[in-house]
Amino acid sequence: MRIVFAGTPEFAAQHLQALLDAGRQVVAIYTQPDRPSGRGQKLTPSPVKQLAVQHGIAVYQPQTLRDAEAQAELAALMPDLMVVVAYGLILPQVVLDIPRLGCINSHASLLPRWRGAAPIQRAVQAGDAESGVTVMRMEAGLDTGPMLLKVTTPISADDTGGSLHDRLAELGPPAVLQAIDGLAAGTLQGEVQDDSFATYAHKLNKDEARLDWHRPAIELERLVRAFYPWPICHSTLNNEPLKVLAASLGEGRGTPGTVLAASKEGLTVACGEGALRLTRLQLPGGKPLAFADLFNSRREQFAVGTVLQ
């Protein structure tokens, strides 16, 4: 089976690696154009492109798949199947129709819940009990196609966006391989999604990572976990930015944003409902530290009654 793979981030690269390890014939990969990265803003290839280059696989990086030239280029590859994982470009219907067996997508949620760009983080943020990977046939709509396979995993009370990402990146590739075999044998039938249960996972942005202390503590605790390791929740202490990398529910009440207690166990801050105990922080120019370490050296900065903005 001639497979074209389309994907961009590390999550997608792990799927591509699984295809290669299983001896599947990946004739080309499609990935986002190289982007500026790091302090020097040097153009950097995506993880999928880096892996493809290592294995001598042809790489295509069109800005869009809506123009006829890019579509003809794909058709010339004569793919039997296109496997799409976190690619980042819309595939119009004409592209979906090119592979003989169509296009399948590995999506990091239990569809129809959390269609869209950030399903992993939104599941943690919402307090979902479980997540998973859905392998589906692609349609022109956003994550709306028939579901071929699902694999699930519980979301624990200490899961972060990063830990759940890593677990789903392990669950997805075997499911894709199983789906490919089922499609090749003609034994796999898709289940139509119930749109009435659909939710949308908006793209993450740094603005919503700012902690609003008027919100309930339970919401902020989930947000801190969901937004780690990116974009990382933050606040302001003594007119300086303060990154909050880990937190747990605390005890006490008071004016939102006010420090209620400070000890080696954490910095307890009043919220709109309840309190949040900050346990891992990063000050400007410093490295991430457990609050116990900061408390030993900067106790005066975290005095009871101090207000975080």
C-alpha atoms as a PDB file:
ATOM      1  CA  MET A   1       0.000   0.000   0.000  1.00  0.00           C
ATOM      2  CA  ARG A   2       1.397   3.355  -1.070  1.00  0.00           C
ATOM      3  CA  ILE A   3       0.959   5.713   1.890  1.00  0.00           C
ATOM      4  CA  VAL A   4       1.361   9.478   1.945  1.00  0.00           C
ATOM      5  CA  PHE A   5       1.786  10.839   5.468  1.00  0.00           C
ATOM      6  CA  ALA A   6       0.794  14.380   6.453  1.00  0.00           C
ATOM      7  CA  GLY A   7       1.733  15.796   9.846  1.00  0.00           C
ATOM      8  CA  THR A   8       3.877  18.379  11.592  1.00  0.00           C
ATOM      9  CA  PRO A   9       4.618  18.188  15.374  1.00  0.00           C
ATOM     10  CA  GLU A  10       6.245  15.514  17.530  1.00  0.00           C
ATOM     11  CA  PHE A  11       2.877  13.825  18.105  1.00  0.00           C
ATOM     12  CA  ALA A  12       2.695  13.224  14.341  1.00  0.00           C
ATOM     13  CA  ALA A  13       6.349  12.175  14.097  1.00  0.00           C
ATOM     14  CA  GLN A  14       5.705   9.325  16.533  1.00  0.00           C
ATOM     15  CA  HIS A  15       2.951   8.062  14.241  1.00  0.00           C
ATOM     16  CA  LEU A  16       5.267   8.269  11.226  1.00  0.00           C
ATOM     17  CA  GLN A  17       7.967   6.375  13.116  1.00  0.00           C
ATOM     18  CA  ALA A  18       5.494   3.592  13.859  1.00  0.00           C
ATOM     19  CA  LEU A  19       4.598   3.280  10.176  1.00  0.00           C
ATOM     20  CA  LEU A  20       8.266   3.045   9.264  1.00  0.00           C
ATOM     21  CA  ASP A  21       9.015   0.542  12.046  1.00  0.00           C
ATOM     22  CA  ALA A  22       6.152  -1.607  10.775  1.00  0.00           C
ATOM     23  CA  GLY A  23       7.640  -1.628   7.282  1.00  0.00           C
ATOM     24  CA  ARG A  24       4.819   0.343   5.645  1.00  0.00           C
ATOM     25  CA  GLN A  25       5.560   1.975   2.299  1.00  0.00           C
ATOM     26  CA  VAL A  26       5.551   5.718   2.989  1.00  0.00           C
ATOM     27  CA  VAL A  27       6.201   7.253  -0.424  1.00  0.00           C
ATOM     28  CA  ALA A  28       6.108  10.911   0.680  1.00  0.00           C
ATOM     29  CA  ILE A  29       5.345  13.180   3.596  1.00  0.00           C
ATOM     30  CA  TYR A  30       3.540  16.500   3.717  1.00  0.00           C
ATOM     31  CA  THR A  31       4.336  18.920   6.519  1.00  0.00           C
ATOM     32  CA  GLN A  32       4.095  22.614   7.373  1.00  0.00           C
ATOM     33  CA  PRO A  33       6.745  24.948   5.927  1.00  0.00           C
ATOM     34  CA  ASP A  34       9.825  25.499   8.095  1.00  0.00           C
ATOM     35  CA  ARG A  35       9.149  28.075  10.838  1.00  0.00           C
ATOM     36  CA  PRO A  36      11.414  30.501  12.760  1.00  0.00           C
ATOM     37  CA  SER A  37      12.304  29.032  16.139  1.00  0.00           C
ATOM     38  CA  GLY A  38      14.445  29.815  19.163  1.00  0.00           C
ATOM     39  CA  ARG A  39      16.142  33.030  20.177  1.00  0.00           C
ATOM     40  CA  GLY A  40      17.827  33.380  16.805  1.00  0.00           C
ATOM     41  CA  GLN A  41      14.547  32.767  14.966  1.00  0.00           C
ATOM     42  CA  LYS A  42      16.329  30.327  12.679  1.00  0.00           C
ATOM     43  CA  LEU A  43      14.146  28.481  10.193  1.00  0.00           C
ATOM     44  CA  THR A  44      13.570  25.047  11.686  1.00  0.00           C
ATOM     45  CA  PRO A  45      12.052  21.968  10.010  1.00  0.00           C
ATOM     46  CA  SER A  46       9.163  20.220  11.728  1.00  0.00           C
ATOM     47  CA  PRO A  47       9.761  16.974  13.651  1.00  0.00           C
ATOM     48  CA  VAL A  48       7.997  15.100  10.828  1.00  0.00           C
ATOM     49  CA  LYS A  49      10.296  16.614   8.191  1.00  0.00           C
ATOM     50  CA  GLN A  50      13.388  15.831  10.248  1.00  0.00           C
ATOM     51  CA  LEU A  51      12.343  12.188  10.519  1.00  0.00           C
ATOM     52  CA  ALA A  52      11.505  11.964   6.826  1.00  0.00           C
ATOM     53  CA  VAL A  53      14.904  13.374   5.832  1.00  0.00           C
ATOM     54  CA  GLN A  54      16.633  10.823   8.071  1.00  0.00           C
ATOM     55  CA  HIS A  55      14.845   8.048   6.173  1.00  0.00           C
ATOM     56  CA  GLY A  56      15.247   9.531   2.693  1.00  0.00           C
ATOM     57  CA  ILE A  57      11.513  10.107   2.177  1.00  0.00           C
ATOM     58  CA  ALA A  58      10.357  12.803  -0.253  1.00  0.00           C
ATOM     59  CA  VAL A  59       9.155  15.939   1.552  1.00  0.00           C
ATOM     60  CA  TYR A  60       6.443  18.343   0.341  1.00  0.00           C
ATOM     61  CA  GLN A  61       5.701  21.618   2.141  1.00  0.00           C
ATOM     62  CA  PRO A  62       2.994  23.539   0.273  1.00  0.00           C
ATOM     63  CA  GLN A  63       1.537  26.685   1.837  1.00  0.00           C
ATOM     64  CA  THR A  64      -1.903  25.390   0.884  1.00  0.00           C
ATOM     65  CA  LEU A  65      -3.507  22.348  -0.697  1.00  0.00           C
ATOM     66  CA  ARG A  66      -6.214  24.428  -2.342  1.00  0.00           C
ATOM     67  CA  ASP A  67      -4.322  25.227  -5.544  1.00  0.00           C
ATOM     68  CA  ALA A  68      -4.303  22.965  -8.571  1.00  0.00           C
ATOM     69  CA  GLU A  69      -0.514  22.603  -8.740  1.00  0.00           C
ATOM     70  CA  ALA A  70      -0.260  21.165  -5.217  1.00  0.00           C
ATOM     71  CA  GLN A  71      -3.191  18.843  -5.895  1.00  0.00           C
ATOM     72  CA  ALA A  72      -1.617  17.567  -9.122  1.00  0.00           C
ATOM     73  CA  GLU A  73       1.637  16.967  -7.256  1.00  0.00           C
ATOM     74  CA  LEU A  74      -0.173  14.784  -4.723  1.00  0.00           C
ATOM     75  CA  ALA A  75      -2.104  12.899  -7.396  1.00  0.00           C
ATOM     76  CA  ALA A  76       1.149  12.104  -9.212  1.00  0.00           C
ATOM     77  CA  LEU A  77       2.282  10.133  -6.148  1.00  0.00           C
ATOM     78  CA  MET A  78      -0.623   7.707  -6.765  1.00  0.00           C
ATOM     79  CA  PRO A  79      -1.296   7.107  -3.070  1.00  0.00           C
ATOM     80  CA  ASP A  80      -3.543   4.304  -1.906  1.00  0.00           C
ATOM     81  CA  LEU A  81      -4.045   6.022   1.452  1.00  0.00           C
ATOM     82  CA  MET A  82      -3.219   9.318   3.128  1.00  0.00           C
ATOM     83  CA  VAL A  83      -2.580   9.255   6.888  1.00  0.00           C
ATOM     84  CA  VAL A  84      -3.024  12.666   8.503  1.00  0.00           C
ATOM     85  CA  VAL A  85      -1.909  13.508  12.047  1.00  0.00           C
ATOM     86  CA  ALA A  86      -1.888  17.101  13.345  1.00  0.00           C
ATOM     87  CA  TYR A  87      -0.949  18.418   9.906  1.00  0.00           C
ATOM     88  CA  GLY A  88      -2.292  21.949  10.333  1.00  0.00           C
ATOM     89  CA  LEU A  89      -3.659  22.514   6.819  1.00  0.00           C
ATOM     90  CA  ILE A  90      -7.220  22.112   5.607  1.00  0.00           C
ATOM     91  CA  LEU A  91      -7.666  19.276   3.103  1.00  0.00           C
ATOM     92  CA  PRO A  92     -10.308  20.229   0.518  1.00  0.00           C
ATOM     93  CA  GLN A  93     -12.605  17.549  -0.876  1.00  0.00           C
ATOM     94  CA  VAL A  94     -10.603  17.220  -4.101  1.00  0.00           C
ATOM     95  CA  VAL A  95      -7.551  16.227  -2.014  1.00  0.00           C
ATOM     96  CA  LEU A  96      -9.551  13.817   0.142  1.00  0.00           C
ATOM     97  CA  ASP A  97     -10.693  12.082  -3.040  1.00  0.00           C
ATOM     98  CA  ILE A  98      -7.191  11.496  -4.451  1.00  0.00           C
ATOM     99  CA  PRO A  99      -6.066   8.397  -2.474  1.00  0.00           C
ATOM    100  CA  ARG A 100      -7.757   5.159  -3.529  1.00  0.00           C
ATOM    101  CA  LEU A 101      -8.809   4.371   0.047  1.00  0.00           C
ATOM    102  CA  GLY A 102      -9.287   7.983   1.077  1.00  0.00           C
ATOM    103  CA  CYS A 103      -7.684   9.788   4.016  1.00  0.00           C
ATOM    104  CA  ILE A 104      -7.644   8.814   7.684  1.00  0.00           C
ATOM    105  CA  ASN A 105      -6.802  10.967  10.674  1.00  0.00           C
ATOM    106  CA  SER A 106      -5.518  10.170  14.165  1.00  0.00           C
ATOM    107  CA  HIS A 107      -7.163  12.726  16.452  1.00  0.00           C
ATOM    108  CA  ALA A 108      -6.228  13.091  20.129  1.00  0.00           C
ATOM    109  CA  SER A 109      -9.713  13.003  21.640  1.00  0.00           C
ATOM    110  CA  LEU A 110     -12.737  10.758  21.990  1.00  0.00           C
ATOM    111  CA  LEU A 111     -14.778  12.209  19.163  1.00  0.00           C
ATOM    112  CA  PRO A 112     -17.184  13.848  18.814  1.00  0.00           C
ATOM    113  CA  ARG A 113     -15.914  15.517  21.995  1.00  0.00           C
ATOM    114  CA  TRP A 114     -13.149  18.036  21.409  1.00  0.00           C
ATOM    115  CA  ARG A 115     -12.971  18.597  17.707  1.00  0.00           C
ATOM    116  CA  GLY A 116     -10.381  21.192  16.780  1.00  0.00           C
ATOM    117  CA  ALA A 117      -6.864  22.366  17.522  1.00  0.00           C
ATOM    118  CA  ALA A 118      -6.206  21.680  21.231  1.00  0.00           C
ATOM    119  CA  PRO A 119      -8.169  18.594  22.307  1.00  0.00           C
ATOM    120  CA  ILE A 120      -5.596  17.330  24.810  1.00  0.00           C
ATOM    121  CA  GLN A 121      -5.368  20.514  26.857  1.00  0.00           C
ATOM    122  CA  ARG A 122      -9.104  21.219  26.709  1.00  0.00           C
ATOM    123  CA  ALA A 123      -9.899  17.766  28.095  1.00  0.00           C
ATOM    124  CA  VAL A 124      -7.653  18.396  31.122  1.00  0.00           C
ATOM    125  CA  GLN A 125      -8.992  21.927  31.547  1.00  0.00           C
ATOM    126  CA  ALA A 126     -12.600  20.709  31.521  1.00  0.00           C
ATOM    127  CA  GLY A 127     -11.936  18.021  34.121  1.00  0.00           C
ATOM    128  CA  ASP A 128     -12.823  15.162  31.766  1.00  0.00           C
ATOM    129  CA  ALA A 129     -12.530  11.705  33.312  1.00  0.00           C
ATOM    130  CA  GLU A 130     -10.956  10.181  30.194  1.00  0.00           C
ATOM    131  CA  SER A 131      -9.428  10.951  26.861  1.00  0.00           C
ATOM    132  CA  GLY A 132      -8.116   8.878  23.983  1.00  0.00           C
ATOM    133  CA  VAL A 133      -7.399   8.715  20.280  1.00  0.00           C
ATOM    134  CA  THR A 134      -9.973   8.396  17.529  1.00  0.00           C
ATOM    135  CA  VAL A 135      -8.944   7.168  14.092  1.00  0.00           C
ATOM    136  CA  MET A 136     -11.489   8.421  11.573  1.00  0.00           C
ATOM    137  CA  ARG A 137     -12.136   8.741   7.879  1.00  0.00           C
ATOM    138  CA  MET A 138     -11.671  12.350   6.885  1.00  0.00           C
ATOM    139  CA  GLU A 139     -14.404  14.568   5.490  1.00  0.00           C
ATOM    140  CA  ALA A 140     -14.305  18.205   4.432  1.00  0.00           C
ATOM    141  CA  GLY A 141     -15.694  19.221   7.851  1.00  0.00           C
ATOM    142  CA  LEU A 142     -13.468  19.772  10.903  1.00  0.00           C
ATOM    143  CA  ASP A 143     -12.959  16.360  12.590  1.00  0.00           C
ATOM    144  CA  THR A 144     -16.439  15.255  11.534  1.00  0.00           C
ATOM    145  CA  GLY A 145     -15.722  12.002   9.673  1.00  0.00           C
ATOM    146  CA  PRO A 146     -16.888   8.469  10.515  1.00  0.00           C
ATOM    147  CA  MET A 147     -14.975   6.919  13.420  1.00  0.00           C
ATOM    148  CA  LEU A 148     -13.011   3.754  12.621  1.00  0.00           C
ATOM    149  CA  LEU A 149     -11.291   2.973  15.943  1.00  0.00           C
ATOM    150  CA  LYS A 150     -11.073   4.412  19.449  1.00  0.00           C
ATOM    151  CA  VAL A 151      -8.577   3.818  22.223  1.00  0.00           C
ATOM    152  CA  THR A 152      -9.124   5.342  25.671  1.00  0.00           C
ATOM    153  CA  THR A 153      -7.104   6.323  28.727  1.00  0.00           C
ATOM    154  CA  PRO A 154      -8.223   7.790  32.076  1.00  0.00           C
ATOM    155  CA  ILE A 155      -7.191  11.339  32.949  1.00  0.00           C
ATOM    156  CA  SER A 156      -5.708  11.278  36.448  1.00  0.00           C
ATOM    157  CA  ALA A 157      -5.852  14.091  39.000  1.00  0.00           C
ATOM    158  CA  ASP A 158      -2.198  14.936  38.367  1.00  0.00           C
ATOM    159  CA  ASP A 159      -2.170  14.690  34.566  1.00  0.00           C
ATOM    160  CA  THR A 160      -0.892  17.729  32.680  1.00  0.00           C
ATOM    161  CA  GLY A 161      -1.294  18.642  29.047  1.00  0.00           C
ATOM    162  CA  GLY A 162       2.206  17.267  28.563  1.00  0.00           C
ATOM    163  CA  SER A 163       1.731  13.927  30.310  1.00  0.00           C
ATOM    164  CA  LEU A 164      -1.566  13.254  28.541  1.00  0.00           C
ATOM    165  CA  HIS A 165       0.008  14.226  25.199  1.00  0.00           C
ATOM    166  CA  ASP A 166       2.798  11.709  25.713  1.00  0.00           C
ATOM    167  CA  ARG A 167       0.388   8.925  26.616  1.00  0.00           C
ATOM    168  CA  LEU A 168      -1.846   9.572  23.604  1.00  0.00           C
ATOM    169  CA  ALA A 169       1.220   9.679  21.359  1.00  0.00           C
ATOM    170  CA  GLU A 170       1.857   6.080  22.420  1.00  0.00           C
ATOM    171  CA  LEU A 171      -1.763   4.954  21.975  1.00  0.00           C
ATOM    172  CA  GLY A 172      -2.349   6.521  18.558  1.00  0.00           C
ATOM    173  CA  PRO A 173       0.210   4.774  16.318  1.00  0.00           C
ATOM    174  CA  PRO A 174      -0.912   1.167  17.019  1.00  0.00           C
ATOM    175  CA  ALA A 175      -4.514   2.229  16.395  1.00  0.00           C
ATOM    176  CA  VAL A 176      -3.545   3.722  13.034  1.00  0.00           C
ATOM    177  CA  LEU A 177      -1.726   0.534  12.033  1.00  0.00           C
ATOM    178  CA  GLN A 178      -4.773  -1.516  13.005  1.00  0.00           C
ATOM    179  CA  ALA A 179      -7.034   0.791  11.001  1.00  0.00           C
ATOM    180  CA  ILE A 180      -4.812   0.526   7.930  1.00  0.00           C
ATOM    181  CA  ASP A 181      -4.979  -3.266   8.066  1.00  0.00           C
ATOM    182  CA  GLY A 182      -8.751  -3.137   8.462  1.00  0.00           C
ATOM    183  CA  LEU A 183      -9.160  -0.802   5.506  1.00  0.00           C
ATOM    184  CA  ALA A 184      -6.887  -2.921   3.338  1.00  0.00           C
ATOM    185  CA  ALA A 185      -8.917  -6.029   4.210  1.00  0.00           C
ATOM    186  CA  GLY A 186     -12.225  -4.214   3.759  1.00  0.00           C
ATOM    187  CA  THR A 187     -13.353  -5.268   7.243  1.00  0.00           C
ATOM    188  CA  LEU A 188     -13.474  -1.866   8.962  1.00  0.00           C
ATOM    189  CA  GLN A 189     -16.721   0.091   8.962  1.00  0.00           C
ATOM    190  CA  GLY A 190     -16.989   3.666  10.160  1.00  0.00           C
ATOM    191  CA  GLU A 191     -19.398   4.870  12.865  1.00  0.00           C
ATOM    192  CA  VAL A 192     -21.082   8.197  12.104  1.00  0.00           C
ATOM    193  CA  GLN A 193     -20.492  10.853  14.764  1.00  0.00           C
ATOM    194  CA  ASP A 194     -23.407  12.316  16.711  1.00  0.00           C
ATOM    195  CA  ASP A 195     -22.948  16.052  16.150  1.00  0.00           C
ATOM    196  CA  SER A 196     -25.163  16.884  19.135  1.00  0.00           C
ATOM    197  CA  PHE A 197     -22.325  15.759  21.441  1.00  0.00           C
ATOM    198  CA  ALA A 198     -19.616  17.759  19.650  1.00  0.00           C
ATOM    199  CA  THR A 199     -17.481  20.299  21.508  1.00  0.00           C
ATOM    200  CA  TYR A 200     -14.822  22.568  20.030  1.00  0.00           C
ATOM    201  CA  ALA A 201     -11.238  22.678  21.332  1.00  0.00           C
ATOM    202  CA  HIS A 202     -10.107  26.238  20.645  1.00  0.00           C
ATOM    203  CA  LYS A 203      -6.455  26.879  19.874  1.00  0.00           C
ATOM    204  CA  LEU A 204      -4.372  27.778  22.937  1.00  0.00           C
ATOM    205  CA  ASN A 205      -3.150  31.327  23.454  1.00  0.00           C
ATOM    206  CA  LYS A 206      -0.973  33.023  26.061  1.00  0.00           C
ATOM    207  CA  ASP A 207      -3.661  35.539  27.052  1.00  0.00           C
ATOM    208  CA  GLU A 208      -5.952  32.881  28.520  1.00  0.00           C
ATOM    209  CA  ALA A 209      -3.008  31.450  30.472  1.00  0.00           C
ATOM    210  CA  ARG A 210      -3.115  34.489  32.765  1.00  0.00           C
ATOM    211  CA  LEU A 211      -4.629  33.417  36.076  1.00  0.00           C
ATOM    212  CA  ASP A 212      -7.834  35.234  36.952  1.00  0.00           C
ATOM    213  CA  TRP A 213      -7.982  34.889  40.729  1.00  0.00           C
ATOM    214  CA  HIS A 214     -11.714  35.658  40.733  1.00  0.00           C
ATOM    215  CA  ARG A 215     -12.367  32.249  39.186  1.00  0.00           C
ATOM    216  CA  PRO A 216     -12.919  29.149  41.355  1.00  0.00           C
ATOM    217  CA  ALA A 217      -9.765  27.407  42.562  1.00  0.00           C
ATOM    218  CA  ILE A 218     -10.791  24.115  40.932  1.00  0.00           C
ATOM    219  CA  GLU A 219     -10.868  25.806  37.513  1.00  0.00           C
ATOM    220  CA  LEU A 220      -7.448  27.384  38.000  1.00  0.00           C
ATOM    221  CA  GLU A 221      -5.928  24.122  39.216  1.00  0.00           C
ATOM    222  CA  ARG A 222      -7.083  22.398  36.042  1.00  0.00           C
ATOM    223  CA  LEU A 223      -5.875  25.299  33.910  1.00  0.00           C
ATOM    224  CA  VAL A 224      -2.380  25.123  35.419  1.00  0.00           C
ATOM    225  CA  ARG A 225      -2.187  21.413  34.593  1.00  0.00           C
ATOM    226  CA  ALA A 226      -3.713  21.791  31.137  1.00  0.00           C
ATOM    227  CA  PHE A 227      -1.354  24.584  30.101  1.00  0.00           C
ATOM    228  CA  TYR A 228       1.834  22.831  31.168  1.00  0.00           C
ATOM    229  CA  PRO A 229       4.303  22.691  29.449  1.00  0.00           C
ATOM    230  CA  TRP A 230       2.801  25.355  27.142  1.00  0.00           C
ATOM    231  CA  PRO A 231       1.731  28.139  27.269  1.00  0.00           C
ATOM    232  CA  ILE A 232       2.226  27.953  31.102  1.00  0.00           C
ATOM    233  CA  CYS A 233      -0.065  29.859  33.446  1.00  0.00           C
ATOM    234  CA  HIS A 234       1.190  33.117  34.876  1.00  0.00           C
ATOM    235  CA  SER A 235       0.357  35.988  37.199  1.00  0.00           C
ATOM    236  CA  THR A 236       2.065  39.116  38.547  1.00  0.00           C
ATOM    237  CA  LEU A 237       3.797  39.412  41.920  1.00  0.00           C
ATOM    238  CA  ASN A 238       5.260  42.733  43.085  1.00  0.00           C
ATOM    239  CA  ASN A 239       4.914  44.055  39.520  1.00  0.00           C
ATOM    240  CA  GLU A 240       6.992  41.186  38.123  1.00  0.00           C
ATOM    241  CA  PRO A 241       5.757  38.230  36.048  1.00  0.00           C
ATOM    242  CA  LEU A 242       5.378  34.947  37.895  1.00  0.00           C
ATOM    243  CA  LYS A 243       5.025  31.637  36.041  1.00  0.00           C
ATOM    244  CA  VAL A 244       2.966  28.959  37.764  1.00  0.00           C
ATOM    245  CA  LEU A 245       4.067  25.492  36.671  1.00  0.00           C
ATOM    246  CA  ALA A 246       2.233  23.369  39.239  1.00  0.00           C
ATOM    247  CA  ALA A 247      -0.504  23.868  41.799  1.00  0.00           C
ATOM    248  CA  SER A 248      -3.002  22.008  43.955  1.00  0.00           C
ATOM    249  CA  LEU A 249      -6.164  22.909  45.817  1.00  0.00           C
ATOM    250  CA  GLY A 250      -5.498  24.772  49.059  1.00  0.00           C
ATOM    251  CA  GLU A 251      -7.524  25.802  52.086  1.00  0.00           C
ATOM    252  CA  GLY A 252      -8.862  29.160  53.213  1.00  0.00           C
ATOM    253  CA  ARG A 253     -10.729  32.101  51.780  1.00  0.00           C
ATOM    254  CA  GLY A 254     -10.141  35.784  51.256  1.00  0.00           C
ATOM    255  CA  THR A 255      -9.965  38.541  48.679  1.00  0.00           C
ATOM    256  CA  PRO A 256      -9.080  36.933  45.320  1.00  0.00           C
ATOM    257  CA  GLY A 257      -5.351  37.059  44.622  1.00  0.00           C
ATOM    258  CA  THR A 258      -4.321  37.527  48.256  1.00  0.00           C
ATOM    259  CA  VAL A 259      -1.625  35.320  49.771  1.00  0.00           C
ATOM    260  CA  LEU A 260      -3.245  33.410  52.644  1.00  0.00           C
ATOM    261  CA  ALA A 261      -0.270  31.280  53.674  1.00  0.00           C
ATOM    262  CA  ALA A 262       3.300  30.522  52.669  1.00  0.00           C
ATOM    263  CA  SER A 263       5.284  27.478  53.729  1.00  0.00           C
ATOM    264  CA  LYS A 264       7.462  24.779  52.257  1.00  0.00           C
ATOM    265  CA  GLU A 265       4.254  23.053  51.142  1.00  0.00           C
ATOM    266  CA  GLY A 266       3.380  25.932  48.827  1.00  0.00           C
ATOM    267  CA  LEU A 267       2.029  29.454  48.393  1.00  0.00           C
ATOM    268  CA  THR A 268      -1.710  29.518  49.107  1.00  0.00           C
ATOM    269  CA  VAL A 269      -3.646  32.192  47.224  1.00  0.00           C
ATOM    270  CA  ALA A 270      -7.320  33.081  47.648  1.00  0.00           C
ATOM    271  CA  CYS A 271      -9.589  32.564  44.627  1.00  0.00           C
ATOM    272  CA  GLY A 272     -13.172  33.486  43.804  1.00  0.00           C
ATOM    273  CA  GLU A 273     -14.100  30.157  45.388  1.00  0.00           C
ATOM    274  CA  GLY A 274     -11.615  28.358  47.605  1.00  0.00           C
ATOM    275  CA  ALA A 275      -7.852  28.713  47.383  1.00  0.00           C
ATOM    276  CA  LEU A 276      -5.008  27.525  45.160  1.00  0.00           C
ATOM    277  CA  ARG A 277      -1.664  26.269  46.516  1.00  0.00           C
ATOM    278  CA  LEU A 278       1.177  27.111  44.125  1.00  0.00           C
ATOM    279  CA  THR A 279       3.864  24.442  44.387  1.00  0.00           C
ATOM    280  CA  ARG A 280       6.249  25.095  41.479  1.00  0.00           C
ATOM    281  CA  LEU A 281       7.089  28.586  40.222  1.00  0.00           C
ATOM    282  CA  GLN A 282       9.499  30.486  37.989  1.00  0.00           C
ATOM    283  CA  LEU A 283      10.602  34.058  38.636  1.00  0.00           C
ATOM    284  CA  PRO A 284      11.998  36.382  35.924  1.00  0.00           C
ATOM    285  CA  GLY A 285      15.483  35.267  34.888  1.00  0.00           C
ATOM    286  CA  GLY A 286      15.298  32.215  37.112  1.00  0.00           C
ATOM    287  CA  LYS A 287      14.738  28.533  36.554  1.00  0.00           C
ATOM    288  CA  PRO A 288      11.642  26.555  37.576  1.00  0.00           C
ATOM    289  CA  LEU A 289      11.796  25.763  41.294  1.00  0.00           C
ATOM    290  CA  ALA A 290       9.695  24.015  43.892  1.00  0.00           C
ATOM    291  CA  PHE A 291       8.151  26.655  46.133  1.00  0.00           C
ATOM    292  CA  ALA A 292      10.021  25.184  49.098  1.00  0.00           C
ATOM    293  CA  ASP A 293      13.283  26.348  47.492  1.00  0.00           C
ATOM    294  CA  LEU A 294      11.950  29.826  46.798  1.00  0.00           C
ATOM    295  CA  PHE A 295      10.525  30.087  50.294  1.00  0.00           C
ATOM    296  CA  ASN A 296      13.931  29.417  51.807  1.00  0.00           C
ATOM    297  CA  SER A 297      15.653  32.201  49.864  1.00  0.00           C
ATOM    298  CA  ARG A 298      12.927  34.784  49.138  1.00  0.00           C
ATOM    299  CA  ARG A 299      10.515  34.477  52.035  1.00  0.00           C
ATOM    300  CA  GLU A 300       9.898  38.225  52.221  1.00  0.00           C
ATOM    301  CA  GLN A 301       8.492  38.317  48.682  1.00  0.00           C
ATOM    302  CA  PHE A 302       5.688  35.913  49.592  1.00  0.00           C
ATOM    303  CA  ALA A 303       4.421  37.460  52.841  1.00  0.00           C
ATOM    304  CA  VAL A 304       0.824  36.829  53.903  1.00  0.00           C
ATOM    305  CA  GLY A 305      -1.357  39.646  52.605  1.00  0.00           C
ATOM    306  CA  THR A 306       0.666  40.135  49.416  1.00  0.00           C
ATOM    307  CA  VAL A 307      -1.617  40.427  46.398  1.00  0.00           C
ATOM    308  CA  LEU A 308      -1.064  38.705  43.058  1.00  0.00           C
ATOM    309  CA  GLN A 309      -2.537  40.598  40.127  1.00  0.00           C
END
